Every structure is written in C-alpha cells, then in structure tokens.
Amino acid sequence: YQLGIAKSVDEKVIGTREEEEVVSN
C-alpha cells in the first residue's frame, strides 16, 4: 500500500517480481 502497489491496506494484491523484491527489501 505504501508503495502504491495496492490501493488500500486491505486490498490483497501481489506485485510484479520486481515490486515484490522491493517489498522484501
């Protein structure tokens, strides 16, 4: 949500491989 991948904290989405790497970092 903070990165703008999801529109809300409750939105359950998975980003692209690159986005998920950023989330993991």
PDBML (XML) file of the C-alpha atoms, coordinates in Angstrom:
<?xml version="1.0" encoding="UTF-8" ?>
<PDBx:datablock datablockName="MODEL"
   xmlns:PDBx="http://pdbml.pdb.org/schema/pdbx-v50.xsd"
   xmlns:xsi="http://www.w3.org/2001/XMLSchema-instance"
   xsi:schemaLocation="http://pdbml.pdb.org/schema/pdbx-v50.xsd pdbx-v50.xsd">
   <PDBx:atom_siteCategory>
      <PDBx:atom_site id="1">
         <PDBx:B_iso_or_equiv>0.00</PDBx:B_iso_or_equiv>
         <PDBx:Cartn_x>0.000</PDBx:Cartn_x>
         <PDBx:Cartn_y>0.000</PDBx:Cartn_y>
         <PDBx:Cartn_z>0.000</PDBx:Cartn_z>
         <PDBx:auth_asym_id>A</PDBx:auth_asym_id>
         <PDBx:auth_atom_id>CA</PDBx:auth_atom_id>
         <PDBx:auth_comp_id>TYR</PDBx:auth_comp_id>
         <PDBx:auth_seq_id>1</PDBx:auth_seq_id>
         <PDBx:group_PDB>ATOM</PDBx:group_PDB>
         <PDBx:label_alt_id xsi:nil="true" />
         <PDBx:label_asym_id>A</PDBx:label_asym_id>
         <PDBx:label_atom_id>CA</PDBx:label_atom_id>
         <PDBx:label_comp_id>TYR</PDBx:label_comp_id>
         <PDBx:label_entity_id>1</PDBx:label_entity_id>
         <PDBx:label_seq_id>1</PDBx:label_seq_id>
         <PDBx:occupancy>1.00</PDBx:occupancy>
         <PDBx:pdbx_PDB_model_num>1</PDBx:pdbx_PDB_model_num>
         <PDBx:type_symbol>C</PDBx:type_symbol>
      </PDBx:atom_site>
      <PDBx:atom_site id="2">
         <PDBx:B_iso_or_equiv>0.00</PDBx:B_iso_or_equiv>
         <PDBx:Cartn_x>2.781</PDBx:Cartn_x>
         <PDBx:Cartn_y>2.446</PDBx:Cartn_y>
         <PDBx:Cartn_z>0.921</PDBx:Cartn_z>
         <PDBx:auth_asym_id>A</PDBx:auth_asym_id>
         <PDBx:auth_atom_id>CA</PDBx:auth_atom_id>
         <PDBx:auth_comp_id>GLN</PDBx:auth_comp_id>
         <PDBx:auth_seq_id>2</PDBx:auth_seq_id>
         <PDBx:group_PDB>ATOM</PDBx:group_PDB>
         <PDBx:label_alt_id xsi:nil="true" />
         <PDBx:label_asym_id>A</PDBx:label_asym_id>
         <PDBx:label_atom_id>CA</PDBx:label_atom_id>
         <PDBx:label_comp_id>GLN</PDBx:label_comp_id>
         <PDBx:label_entity_id>1</PDBx:label_entity_id>
         <PDBx:label_seq_id>2</PDBx:label_seq_id>
         <PDBx:occupancy>1.00</PDBx:occupancy>
         <PDBx:pdbx_PDB_model_num>1</PDBx:pdbx_PDB_model_num>
         <PDBx:type_symbol>C</PDBx:type_symbol>
      </PDBx:atom_site>
      <PDBx:atom_site id="3">
         <PDBx:B_iso_or_equiv>0.00</PDBx:B_iso_or_equiv>
         <PDBx:Cartn_x>4.489</PDBx:Cartn_x>
         <PDBx:Cartn_y>1.763</PDBx:Cartn_y>
         <PDBx:Cartn_z>-2.418</PDBx:Cartn_z>
         <PDBx:auth_asym_id>A</PDBx:auth_asym_id>
         <PDBx:auth_atom_id>CA</PDBx:auth_atom_id>
         <PDBx:auth_comp_id>LEU</PDBx:auth_comp_id>
         <PDBx:auth_seq_id>3</PDBx:auth_seq_id>
         <PDBx:group_PDB>ATOM</PDBx:group_PDB>
         <PDBx:label_alt_id xsi:nil="true" />
         <PDBx:label_asym_id>A</PDBx:label_asym_id>
         <PDBx:label_atom_id>CA</PDBx:label_atom_id>
         <PDBx:label_comp_id>LEU</PDBx:label_comp_id>
         <PDBx:label_entity_id>1</PDBx:label_entity_id>
         <PDBx:label_seq_id>3</PDBx:label_seq_id>
         <PDBx:occupancy>1.00</PDBx:occupancy>
         <PDBx:pdbx_PDB_model_num>1</PDBx:pdbx_PDB_model_num>
         <PDBx:type_symbol>C</PDBx:type_symbol>
      </PDBx:atom_site>
      <PDBx:atom_site id="4">
         <PDBx:B_iso_or_equiv>0.00</PDBx:B_iso_or_equiv>
         <PDBx:Cartn_x>1.252</PDBx:Cartn_x>
         <PDBx:Cartn_y>2.279</PDBx:Cartn_y>
         <PDBx:Cartn_z>-4.357</PDBx:Cartn_z>
         <PDBx:auth_asym_id>A</PDBx:auth_asym_id>
         <PDBx:auth_atom_id>CA</PDBx:auth_atom_id>
         <PDBx:auth_comp_id>GLY</PDBx:auth_comp_id>
         <PDBx:auth_seq_id>4</PDBx:auth_seq_id>
         <PDBx:group_PDB>ATOM</PDBx:group_PDB>
         <PDBx:label_alt_id xsi:nil="true" />
         <PDBx:label_asym_id>A</PDBx:label_asym_id>
         <PDBx:label_atom_id>CA</PDBx:label_atom_id>
         <PDBx:label_comp_id>GLY</PDBx:label_comp_id>
         <PDBx:label_entity_id>1</PDBx:label_entity_id>
         <PDBx:label_seq_id>4</PDBx:label_seq_id>
         <PDBx:occupancy>1.00</PDBx:occupancy>
         <PDBx:pdbx_PDB_model_num>1</PDBx:pdbx_PDB_model_num>
         <PDBx:type_symbol>C</PDBx:type_symbol>
      </PDBx:atom_site>
      <PDBx:atom_site id="5">
         <PDBx:B_iso_or_equiv>0.00</PDBx:B_iso_or_equiv>
         <PDBx:Cartn_x>1.057</PDBx:Cartn_x>
         <PDBx:Cartn_y>-1.360</PDBx:Cartn_y>
         <PDBx:Cartn_z>-5.487</PDBx:Cartn_z>
         <PDBx:auth_asym_id>A</PDBx:auth_asym_id>
         <PDBx:auth_atom_id>CA</PDBx:auth_atom_id>
         <PDBx:auth_comp_id>ILE</PDBx:auth_comp_id>
         <PDBx:auth_seq_id>5</PDBx:auth_seq_id>
         <PDBx:group_PDB>ATOM</PDBx:group_PDB>
         <PDBx:label_alt_id xsi:nil="true" />
         <PDBx:label_asym_id>A</PDBx:label_asym_id>
         <PDBx:label_atom_id>CA</PDBx:label_atom_id>
         <PDBx:label_comp_id>ILE</PDBx:label_comp_id>
         <PDBx:label_entity_id>1</PDBx:label_entity_id>
         <PDBx:label_seq_id>5</PDBx:label_seq_id>
         <PDBx:occupancy>1.00</PDBx:occupancy>
         <PDBx:pdbx_PDB_model_num>1</PDBx:pdbx_PDB_model_num>
         <PDBx:type_symbol>C</PDBx:type_symbol>
      </PDBx:atom_site>
      <PDBx:atom_site id="6">
         <PDBx:B_iso_or_equiv>0.00</PDBx:B_iso_or_equiv>
         <PDBx:Cartn_x>-2.261</PDBx:Cartn_x>
         <PDBx:Cartn_y>-1.694</PDBx:Cartn_y>
         <PDBx:Cartn_z>-3.626</PDBx:Cartn_z>
         <PDBx:auth_asym_id>A</PDBx:auth_asym_id>
         <PDBx:auth_atom_id>CA</PDBx:auth_atom_id>
         <PDBx:auth_comp_id>ALA</PDBx:auth_comp_id>
         <PDBx:auth_seq_id>6</PDBx:auth_seq_id>
         <PDBx:group_PDB>ATOM</PDBx:group_PDB>
         <PDBx:label_alt_id xsi:nil="true" />
         <PDBx:label_asym_id>A</PDBx:label_asym_id>
         <PDBx:label_atom_id>CA</PDBx:label_atom_id>
         <PDBx:label_comp_id>ALA</PDBx:label_comp_id>
         <PDBx:label_entity_id>1</PDBx:label_entity_id>
         <PDBx:label_seq_id>6</PDBx:label_seq_id>
         <PDBx:occupancy>1.00</PDBx:occupancy>
         <PDBx:pdbx_PDB_model_num>1</PDBx:pdbx_PDB_model_num>
         <PDBx:type_symbol>C</PDBx:type_symbol>
      </PDBx:atom_site>
      <PDBx:atom_site id="7">
         <PDBx:B_iso_or_equiv>0.00</PDBx:B_iso_or_equiv>
         <PDBx:Cartn_x>-4.999</PDBx:Cartn_x>
         <PDBx:Cartn_y>0.943</PDBx:Cartn_y>
         <PDBx:Cartn_z>-3.411</PDBx:Cartn_z>
         <PDBx:auth_asym_id>A</PDBx:auth_asym_id>
         <PDBx:auth_atom_id>CA</PDBx:auth_atom_id>
         <PDBx:auth_comp_id>LYS</PDBx:auth_comp_id>
         <PDBx:auth_seq_id>7</PDBx:auth_seq_id>
         <PDBx:group_PDB>ATOM</PDBx:group_PDB>
         <PDBx:label_alt_id xsi:nil="true" />
         <PDBx:label_asym_id>A</PDBx:label_asym_id>
         <PDBx:label_atom_id>CA</PDBx:label_atom_id>
         <PDBx:label_comp_id>LYS</PDBx:label_comp_id>
         <PDBx:label_entity_id>1</PDBx:label_entity_id>
         <PDBx:label_seq_id>7</PDBx:label_seq_id>
         <PDBx:occupancy>1.00</PDBx:occupancy>
         <PDBx:pdbx_PDB_model_num>1</PDBx:pdbx_PDB_model_num>
         <PDBx:type_symbol>C</PDBx:type_symbol>
      </PDBx:atom_site>
      <PDBx:atom_site id="8">
         <PDBx:B_iso_or_equiv>0.00</PDBx:B_iso_or_equiv>
         <PDBx:Cartn_x>-5.655</PDBx:Cartn_x>
         <PDBx:Cartn_y>0.205</PDBx:Cartn_y>
         <PDBx:Cartn_z>0.281</PDBx:Cartn_z>
         <PDBx:auth_asym_id>A</PDBx:auth_asym_id>
         <PDBx:auth_atom_id>CA</PDBx:auth_atom_id>
         <PDBx:auth_comp_id>SER</PDBx:auth_comp_id>
         <PDBx:auth_seq_id>8</PDBx:auth_seq_id>
         <PDBx:group_PDB>ATOM</PDBx:group_PDB>
         <PDBx:label_alt_id xsi:nil="true" />
         <PDBx:label_asym_id>A</PDBx:label_asym_id>
         <PDBx:label_atom_id>CA</PDBx:label_atom_id>
         <PDBx:label_comp_id>SER</PDBx:label_comp_id>
         <PDBx:label_entity_id>1</PDBx:label_entity_id>
         <PDBx:label_seq_id>8</PDBx:label_seq_id>
         <PDBx:occupancy>1.00</PDBx:occupancy>
         <PDBx:pdbx_PDB_model_num>1</PDBx:pdbx_PDB_model_num>
         <PDBx:type_symbol>C</PDBx:type_symbol>
      </PDBx:atom_site>
      <PDBx:atom_site id="9">
         <PDBx:B_iso_or_equiv>0.00</PDBx:B_iso_or_equiv>
         <PDBx:Cartn_x>-4.106</PDBx:Cartn_x>
         <PDBx:Cartn_y>-1.774</PDBx:Cartn_y>
         <PDBx:Cartn_z>3.125</PDBx:Cartn_z>
         <PDBx:auth_asym_id>A</PDBx:auth_asym_id>
         <PDBx:auth_atom_id>CA</PDBx:auth_atom_id>
         <PDBx:auth_comp_id>VAL</PDBx:auth_comp_id>
         <PDBx:auth_seq_id>9</PDBx:auth_seq_id>
         <PDBx:group_PDB>ATOM</PDBx:group_PDB>
         <PDBx:label_alt_id xsi:nil="true" />
         <PDBx:label_asym_id>A</PDBx:label_asym_id>
         <PDBx:label_atom_id>CA</PDBx:label_atom_id>
         <PDBx:label_comp_id>VAL</PDBx:label_comp_id>
         <PDBx:label_entity_id>1</PDBx:label_entity_id>
         <PDBx:label_seq_id>9</PDBx:label_seq_id>
         <PDBx:occupancy>1.00</PDBx:occupancy>
         <PDBx:pdbx_PDB_model_num>1</PDBx:pdbx_PDB_model_num>
         <PDBx:type_symbol>C</PDBx:type_symbol>
      </PDBx:atom_site>
      <PDBx:atom_site id="10">
         <PDBx:B_iso_or_equiv>0.00</PDBx:B_iso_or_equiv>
         <PDBx:Cartn_x>-6.966</PDBx:Cartn_x>
         <PDBx:Cartn_y>-4.263</PDBx:Cartn_y>
         <PDBx:Cartn_z>2.853</PDBx:Cartn_z>
         <PDBx:auth_asym_id>A</PDBx:auth_asym_id>
         <PDBx:auth_atom_id>CA</PDBx:auth_atom_id>
         <PDBx:auth_comp_id>ASP</PDBx:auth_comp_id>
         <PDBx:auth_seq_id>10</PDBx:auth_seq_id>
         <PDBx:group_PDB>ATOM</PDBx:group_PDB>
         <PDBx:label_alt_id xsi:nil="true" />
         <PDBx:label_asym_id>A</PDBx:label_asym_id>
         <PDBx:label_atom_id>CA</PDBx:label_atom_id>
         <PDBx:label_comp_id>ASP</PDBx:label_comp_id>
         <PDBx:label_entity_id>1</PDBx:label_entity_id>
         <PDBx:label_seq_id>10</PDBx:label_seq_id>
         <PDBx:occupancy>1.00</PDBx:occupancy>
         <PDBx:pdbx_PDB_model_num>1</PDBx:pdbx_PDB_model_num>
         <PDBx:type_symbol>C</PDBx:type_symbol>
      </PDBx:atom_site>
      <PDBx:atom_site id="11">
         <PDBx:B_iso_or_equiv>0.00</PDBx:B_iso_or_equiv>
         <PDBx:Cartn_x>-6.521</PDBx:Cartn_x>
         <PDBx:Cartn_y>-4.806</PDBx:Cartn_y>
         <PDBx:Cartn_z>-0.887</PDBx:Cartn_z>
         <PDBx:auth_asym_id>A</PDBx:auth_asym_id>
         <PDBx:auth_atom_id>CA</PDBx:auth_atom_id>
         <PDBx:auth_comp_id>GLU</PDBx:auth_comp_id>
         <PDBx:auth_seq_id>11</PDBx:auth_seq_id>
         <PDBx:group_PDB>ATOM</PDBx:group_PDB>
         <PDBx:label_alt_id xsi:nil="true" />
         <PDBx:label_asym_id>A</PDBx:label_asym_id>
         <PDBx:label_atom_id>CA</PDBx:label_atom_id>
         <PDBx:label_comp_id>GLU</PDBx:label_comp_id>
         <PDBx:label_entity_id>1</PDBx:label_entity_id>
         <PDBx:label_seq_id>11</PDBx:label_seq_id>
         <PDBx:occupancy>1.00</PDBx:occupancy>
         <PDBx:pdbx_PDB_model_num>1</PDBx:pdbx_PDB_model_num>
         <PDBx:type_symbol>C</PDBx:type_symbol>
      </PDBx:atom_site>
      <PDBx:atom_site id="12">
         <PDBx:B_iso_or_equiv>0.00</PDBx:B_iso_or_equiv>
         <PDBx:Cartn_x>-4.895</PDBx:Cartn_x>
         <PDBx:Cartn_y>-8.201</PDBx:Cartn_y>
         <PDBx:Cartn_z>-1.266</PDBx:Cartn_z>
         <PDBx:auth_asym_id>A</PDBx:auth_asym_id>
         <PDBx:auth_atom_id>CA</PDBx:auth_atom_id>
         <PDBx:auth_comp_id>LYS</PDBx:auth_comp_id>
         <PDBx:auth_seq_id>12</PDBx:auth_seq_id>
         <PDBx:group_PDB>ATOM</PDBx:group_PDB>
         <PDBx:label_alt_id xsi:nil="true" />
         <PDBx:label_asym_id>A</PDBx:label_asym_id>
         <PDBx:label_atom_id>CA</PDBx:label_atom_id>
         <PDBx:label_comp_id>LYS</PDBx:label_comp_id>
         <PDBx:label_entity_id>1</PDBx:label_entity_id>
         <PDBx:label_seq_id>12</PDBx:label_seq_id>
         <PDBx:occupancy>1.00</PDBx:occupancy>
         <PDBx:pdbx_PDB_model_num>1</PDBx:pdbx_PDB_model_num>
         <PDBx:type_symbol>C</PDBx:type_symbol>
      </PDBx:atom_site>
      <PDBx:atom_site id="13">
         <PDBx:B_iso_or_equiv>0.00</PDBx:B_iso_or_equiv>
         <PDBx:Cartn_x>-2.644</PDBx:Cartn_x>
         <PDBx:Cartn_y>-7.987</PDBx:Cartn_y>
         <PDBx:Cartn_z>-4.323</PDBx:Cartn_z>
         <PDBx:auth_asym_id>A</PDBx:auth_asym_id>
         <PDBx:auth_atom_id>CA</PDBx:auth_atom_id>
         <PDBx:auth_comp_id>VAL</PDBx:auth_comp_id>
         <PDBx:auth_seq_id>13</PDBx:auth_seq_id>
         <PDBx:group_PDB>ATOM</PDBx:group_PDB>
         <PDBx:label_alt_id xsi:nil="true" />
         <PDBx:label_asym_id>A</PDBx:label_asym_id>
         <PDBx:label_atom_id>CA</PDBx:label_atom_id>
         <PDBx:label_comp_id>VAL</PDBx:label_comp_id>
         <PDBx:label_entity_id>1</PDBx:label_entity_id>
         <PDBx:label_seq_id>13</PDBx:label_seq_id>
         <PDBx:occupancy>1.00</PDBx:occupancy>
         <PDBx:pdbx_PDB_model_num>1</PDBx:pdbx_PDB_model_num>
         <PDBx:type_symbol>C</PDBx:type_symbol>
      </PDBx:atom_site>
      <PDBx:atom_site id="14">
         <PDBx:B_iso_or_equiv>0.00</PDBx:B_iso_or_equiv>
         <PDBx:Cartn_x>0.727</PDBx:Cartn_x>
         <PDBx:Cartn_y>-9.348</PDBx:Cartn_y>
         <PDBx:Cartn_z>-5.342</PDBx:Cartn_z>
         <PDBx:auth_asym_id>A</PDBx:auth_asym_id>
         <PDBx:auth_atom_id>CA</PDBx:auth_atom_id>
         <PDBx:auth_comp_id>ILE</PDBx:auth_comp_id>
         <PDBx:auth_seq_id>14</PDBx:auth_seq_id>
         <PDBx:group_PDB>ATOM</PDBx:group_PDB>
         <PDBx:label_alt_id xsi:nil="true" />
         <PDBx:label_asym_id>A</PDBx:label_asym_id>
         <PDBx:label_atom_id>CA</PDBx:label_atom_id>
         <PDBx:label_comp_id>ILE</PDBx:label_comp_id>
         <PDBx:label_entity_id>1</PDBx:label_entity_id>
         <PDBx:label_seq_id>14</PDBx:label_seq_id>
         <PDBx:occupancy>1.00</PDBx:occupancy>
         <PDBx:pdbx_PDB_model_num>1</PDBx:pdbx_PDB_model_num>
         <PDBx:type_symbol>C</PDBx:type_symbol>
      </PDBx:atom_site>
      <PDBx:atom_site id="15">
         <PDBx:B_iso_or_equiv>0.00</PDBx:B_iso_or_equiv>
         <PDBx:Cartn_x>3.047</PDBx:Cartn_x>
         <PDBx:Cartn_y>-7.105</PDBx:Cartn_y>
         <PDBx:Cartn_z>-7.310</PDBx:Cartn_z>
         <PDBx:auth_asym_id>A</PDBx:auth_asym_id>
         <PDBx:auth_atom_id>CA</PDBx:auth_atom_id>
         <PDBx:auth_comp_id>GLY</PDBx:auth_comp_id>
         <PDBx:auth_seq_id>15</PDBx:auth_seq_id>
         <PDBx:group_PDB>ATOM</PDBx:group_PDB>
         <PDBx:label_alt_id xsi:nil="true" />
         <PDBx:label_asym_id>A</PDBx:label_asym_id>
         <PDBx:label_atom_id>CA</PDBx:label_atom_id>
         <PDBx:label_comp_id>GLY</PDBx:label_comp_id>
         <PDBx:label_entity_id>1</PDBx:label_entity_id>
         <PDBx:label_seq_id>15</PDBx:label_seq_id>
         <PDBx:occupancy>1.00</PDBx:occupancy>
         <PDBx:pdbx_PDB_model_num>1</PDBx:pdbx_PDB_model_num>
         <PDBx:type_symbol>C</PDBx:type_symbol>
      </PDBx:atom_site>
      <PDBx:atom_site id="16">
         <PDBx:B_iso_or_equiv>0.00</PDBx:B_iso_or_equiv>
         <PDBx:Cartn_x>5.378</PDBx:Cartn_x>
         <PDBx:Cartn_y>-7.956</PDBx:Cartn_y>
         <PDBx:Cartn_z>-10.149</PDBx:Cartn_z>
         <PDBx:auth_asym_id>A</PDBx:auth_asym_id>
         <PDBx:auth_atom_id>CA</PDBx:auth_atom_id>
         <PDBx:auth_comp_id>THR</PDBx:auth_comp_id>
         <PDBx:auth_seq_id>16</PDBx:auth_seq_id>
         <PDBx:group_PDB>ATOM</PDBx:group_PDB>
         <PDBx:label_alt_id xsi:nil="true" />
         <PDBx:label_asym_id>A</PDBx:label_asym_id>
         <PDBx:label_atom_id>CA</PDBx:label_atom_id>
         <PDBx:label_comp_id>THR</PDBx:label_comp_id>
         <PDBx:label_entity_id>1</PDBx:label_entity_id>
         <PDBx:label_seq_id>16</PDBx:label_seq_id>
         <PDBx:occupancy>1.00</PDBx:occupancy>
         <PDBx:pdbx_PDB_model_num>1</PDBx:pdbx_PDB_model_num>
         <PDBx:type_symbol>C</PDBx:type_symbol>
      </PDBx:atom_site>
      <PDBx:atom_site id="17">
         <PDBx:B_iso_or_equiv>0.00</PDBx:B_iso_or_equiv>
         <PDBx:Cartn_x>8.559</PDBx:Cartn_x>
         <PDBx:Cartn_y>-9.871</PDBx:Cartn_y>
         <PDBx:Cartn_z>-9.391</PDBx:Cartn_z>
         <PDBx:auth_asym_id>A</PDBx:auth_asym_id>
         <PDBx:auth_atom_id>CA</PDBx:auth_atom_id>
         <PDBx:auth_comp_id>ARG</PDBx:auth_comp_id>
         <PDBx:auth_seq_id>17</PDBx:auth_seq_id>
         <PDBx:group_PDB>ATOM</PDBx:group_PDB>
         <PDBx:label_alt_id xsi:nil="true" />
         <PDBx:label_asym_id>A</PDBx:label_asym_id>
         <PDBx:label_atom_id>CA</PDBx:label_atom_id>
         <PDBx:label_comp_id>ARG</PDBx:label_comp_id>
         <PDBx:label_entity_id>1</PDBx:label_entity_id>
         <PDBx:label_seq_id>17</PDBx:label_seq_id>
         <PDBx:occupancy>1.00</PDBx:occupancy>
         <PDBx:pdbx_PDB_model_num>1</PDBx:pdbx_PDB_model_num>
         <PDBx:type_symbol>C</PDBx:type_symbol>
      </PDBx:atom_site>
      <PDBx:atom_site id="18">
         <PDBx:B_iso_or_equiv>0.00</PDBx:B_iso_or_equiv>
         <PDBx:Cartn_x>10.466</PDBx:Cartn_x>
         <PDBx:Cartn_y>-6.554</PDBx:Cartn_y>
         <PDBx:Cartn_z>-9.225</PDBx:Cartn_z>
         <PDBx:auth_asym_id>A</PDBx:auth_asym_id>
         <PDBx:auth_atom_id>CA</PDBx:auth_atom_id>
         <PDBx:auth_comp_id>GLU</PDBx:auth_comp_id>
         <PDBx:auth_seq_id>18</PDBx:auth_seq_id>
         <PDBx:group_PDB>ATOM</PDBx:group_PDB>
         <PDBx:label_alt_id xsi:nil="true" />
         <PDBx:label_asym_id>A</PDBx:label_asym_id>
         <PDBx:label_atom_id>CA</PDBx:label_atom_id>
         <PDBx:label_comp_id>GLU</PDBx:label_comp_id>
         <PDBx:label_entity_id>1</PDBx:label_entity_id>
         <PDBx:label_seq_id>18</PDBx:label_seq_id>
         <PDBx:occupancy>1.00</PDBx:occupancy>
         <PDBx:pdbx_PDB_model_num>1</PDBx:pdbx_PDB_model_num>
         <PDBx:type_symbol>C</PDBx:type_symbol>
      </PDBx:atom_site>
      <PDBx:atom_site id="19">
         <PDBx:B_iso_or_equiv>0.00</PDBx:B_iso_or_equiv>
         <PDBx:Cartn_x>7.868</PDBx:Cartn_x>
         <PDBx:Cartn_y>-4.947</PDBx:Cartn_y>
         <PDBx:Cartn_z>-6.961</PDBx:Cartn_z>
         <PDBx:auth_asym_id>A</PDBx:auth_asym_id>
         <PDBx:auth_atom_id>CA</PDBx:auth_atom_id>
         <PDBx:auth_comp_id>GLU</PDBx:auth_comp_id>
         <PDBx:auth_seq_id>19</PDBx:auth_seq_id>
         <PDBx:group_PDB>ATOM</PDBx:group_PDB>
         <PDBx:label_alt_id xsi:nil="true" />
         <PDBx:label_asym_id>A</PDBx:label_asym_id>
         <PDBx:label_atom_id>CA</PDBx:label_atom_id>
         <PDBx:label_comp_id>GLU</PDBx:label_comp_id>
         <PDBx:label_entity_id>1</PDBx:label_entity_id>
         <PDBx:label_seq_id>19</PDBx:label_seq_id>
         <PDBx:occupancy>1.00</PDBx:occupancy>
         <PDBx:pdbx_PDB_model_num>1</PDBx:pdbx_PDB_model_num>
         <PDBx:type_symbol>C</PDBx:type_symbol>
      </PDBx:atom_site>
      <PDBx:atom_site id="20">
         <PDBx:B_iso_or_equiv>0.00</PDBx:B_iso_or_equiv>
         <PDBx:Cartn_x>7.886</PDBx:Cartn_x>
         <PDBx:Cartn_y>-7.951</PDBx:Cartn_y>
         <PDBx:Cartn_z>-4.625</PDBx:Cartn_z>
         <PDBx:auth_asym_id>A</PDBx:auth_asym_id>
         <PDBx:auth_atom_id>CA</PDBx:auth_atom_id>
         <PDBx:auth_comp_id>GLU</PDBx:auth_comp_id>
         <PDBx:auth_seq_id>20</PDBx:auth_seq_id>
         <PDBx:group_PDB>ATOM</PDBx:group_PDB>
         <PDBx:label_alt_id xsi:nil="true" />
         <PDBx:label_asym_id>A</PDBx:label_asym_id>
         <PDBx:label_atom_id>CA</PDBx:label_atom_id>
         <PDBx:label_comp_id>GLU</PDBx:label_comp_id>
         <PDBx:label_entity_id>1</PDBx:label_entity_id>
         <PDBx:label_seq_id>20</PDBx:label_seq_id>
         <PDBx:occupancy>1.00</PDBx:occupancy>
         <PDBx:pdbx_PDB_model_num>1</PDBx:pdbx_PDB_model_num>
         <PDBx:type_symbol>C</PDBx:type_symbol>
      </PDBx:atom_site>
      <PDBx:atom_site id="21">
         <PDBx:B_iso_or_equiv>0.00</PDBx:B_iso_or_equiv>
         <PDBx:Cartn_x>11.701</PDBx:Cartn_x>
         <PDBx:Cartn_y>-7.703</PDBx:Cartn_y>
         <PDBx:Cartn_z>-4.407</PDBx:Cartn_z>
         <PDBx:auth_asym_id>A</PDBx:auth_asym_id>
         <PDBx:auth_atom_id>CA</PDBx:auth_atom_id>
         <PDBx:auth_comp_id>GLU</PDBx:auth_comp_id>
         <PDBx:auth_seq_id>21</PDBx:auth_seq_id>
         <PDBx:group_PDB>ATOM</PDBx:group_PDB>
         <PDBx:label_alt_id xsi:nil="true" />
         <PDBx:label_asym_id>A</PDBx:label_asym_id>
         <PDBx:label_atom_id>CA</PDBx:label_atom_id>
         <PDBx:label_comp_id>GLU</PDBx:label_comp_id>
         <PDBx:label_entity_id>1</PDBx:label_entity_id>
         <PDBx:label_seq_id>21</PDBx:label_seq_id>
         <PDBx:occupancy>1.00</PDBx:occupancy>
         <PDBx:pdbx_PDB_model_num>1</PDBx:pdbx_PDB_model_num>
         <PDBx:type_symbol>C</PDBx:type_symbol>
      </PDBx:atom_site>
      <PDBx:atom_site id="22">
         <PDBx:B_iso_or_equiv>0.00</PDBx:B_iso_or_equiv>
         <PDBx:Cartn_x>11.312</PDBx:Cartn_x>
         <PDBx:Cartn_y>-4.109</PDBx:Cartn_y>
         <PDBx:Cartn_z>-3.235</PDBx:Cartn_z>
         <PDBx:auth_asym_id>A</PDBx:auth_asym_id>
         <PDBx:auth_atom_id>CA</PDBx:auth_atom_id>
         <PDBx:auth_comp_id>VAL</PDBx:auth_comp_id>
         <PDBx:auth_seq_id>22</PDBx:auth_seq_id>
         <PDBx:group_PDB>ATOM</PDBx:group_PDB>
         <PDBx:label_alt_id xsi:nil="true" />
         <PDBx:label_asym_id>A</PDBx:label_asym_id>
         <PDBx:label_atom_id>CA</PDBx:label_atom_id>
         <PDBx:label_comp_id>VAL</PDBx:label_comp_id>
         <PDBx:label_entity_id>1</PDBx:label_entity_id>
         <PDBx:label_seq_id>22</PDBx:label_seq_id>
         <PDBx:occupancy>1.00</PDBx:occupancy>
         <PDBx:pdbx_PDB_model_num>1</PDBx:pdbx_PDB_model_num>
         <PDBx:type_symbol>C</PDBx:type_symbol>
      </PDBx:atom_site>
      <PDBx:atom_site id="23">
         <PDBx:B_iso_or_equiv>0.00</PDBx:B_iso_or_equiv>
         <PDBx:Cartn_x>8.653</PDBx:Cartn_x>
         <PDBx:Cartn_y>-5.226</PDBx:Cartn_y>
         <PDBx:Cartn_z>-0.725</PDBx:Cartn_z>
         <PDBx:auth_asym_id>A</PDBx:auth_asym_id>
         <PDBx:auth_atom_id>CA</PDBx:auth_atom_id>
         <PDBx:auth_comp_id>VAL</PDBx:auth_comp_id>
         <PDBx:auth_seq_id>23</PDBx:auth_seq_id>
         <PDBx:group_PDB>ATOM</PDBx:group_PDB>
         <PDBx:label_alt_id xsi:nil="true" />
         <PDBx:label_asym_id>A</PDBx:label_asym_id>
         <PDBx:label_atom_id>CA</PDBx:label_atom_id>
         <PDBx:label_comp_id>VAL</PDBx:label_comp_id>
         <PDBx:label_entity_id>1</PDBx:label_entity_id>
         <PDBx:label_seq_id>23</PDBx:label_seq_id>
         <PDBx:occupancy>1.00</PDBx:occupancy>
         <PDBx:pdbx_PDB_model_num>1</PDBx:pdbx_PDB_model_num>
         <PDBx:type_symbol>C</PDBx:type_symbol>
      </PDBx:atom_site>
      <PDBx:atom_site id="24">
         <PDBx:B_iso_or_equiv>0.00</PDBx:B_iso_or_equiv>
         <PDBx:Cartn_x>11.036</PDBx:Cartn_x>
         <PDBx:Cartn_y>-7.916</PDBx:Cartn_y>
         <PDBx:Cartn_z>0.584</PDBx:Cartn_z>
         <PDBx:auth_asym_id>A</PDBx:auth_asym_id>
         <PDBx:auth_atom_id>CA</PDBx:auth_atom_id>
         <PDBx:auth_comp_id>SER</PDBx:auth_comp_id>
         <PDBx:auth_seq_id>24</PDBx:auth_seq_id>
         <PDBx:group_PDB>ATOM</PDBx:group_PDB>
         <PDBx:label_alt_id xsi:nil="true" />
         <PDBx:label_asym_id>A</PDBx:label_asym_id>
         <PDBx:label_atom_id>CA</PDBx:label_atom_id>
         <PDBx:label_comp_id>SER</PDBx:label_comp_id>
         <PDBx:label_entity_id>1</PDBx:label_entity_id>
         <PDBx:label_seq_id>24</PDBx:label_seq_id>
         <PDBx:occupancy>1.00</PDBx:occupancy>
         <PDBx:pdbx_PDB_model_num>1</PDBx:pdbx_PDB_model_num>
         <PDBx:type_symbol>C</PDBx:type_symbol>
      </PDBx:atom_site>
      <PDBx:atom_site id="25">
         <PDBx:B_iso_or_equiv>0.00</PDBx:B_iso_or_equiv>
         <PDBx:Cartn_x>13.916</PDBx:Cartn_x>
         <PDBx:Cartn_y>-5.439</PDBx:Cartn_y>
         <PDBx:Cartn_z>0.903</PDBx:Cartn_z>
         <PDBx:auth_asym_id>A</PDBx:auth_asym_id>
         <PDBx:auth_atom_id>CA</PDBx:auth_atom_id>
         <PDBx:auth_comp_id>ASN</PDBx:auth_comp_id>
         <PDBx:auth_seq_id>25</PDBx:auth_seq_id>
         <PDBx:group_PDB>ATOM</PDBx:group_PDB>
         <PDBx:label_alt_id xsi:nil="true" />
         <PDBx:label_asym_id>A</PDBx:label_asym_id>
         <PDBx:label_atom_id>CA</PDBx:label_atom_id>
         <PDBx:label_comp_id>ASN</PDBx:label_comp_id>
         <PDBx:label_entity_id>1</PDBx:label_entity_id>
         <PDBx:label_seq_id>25</PDBx:label_seq_id>
         <PDBx:occupancy>1.00</PDBx:occupancy>
         <PDBx:pdbx_PDB_model_num>1</PDBx:pdbx_PDB_model_num>
         <PDBx:type_symbol>C</PDBx:type_symbol>
      </PDBx:atom_site>
   </PDBx:atom_siteCategory>
</PDBx:datablock>
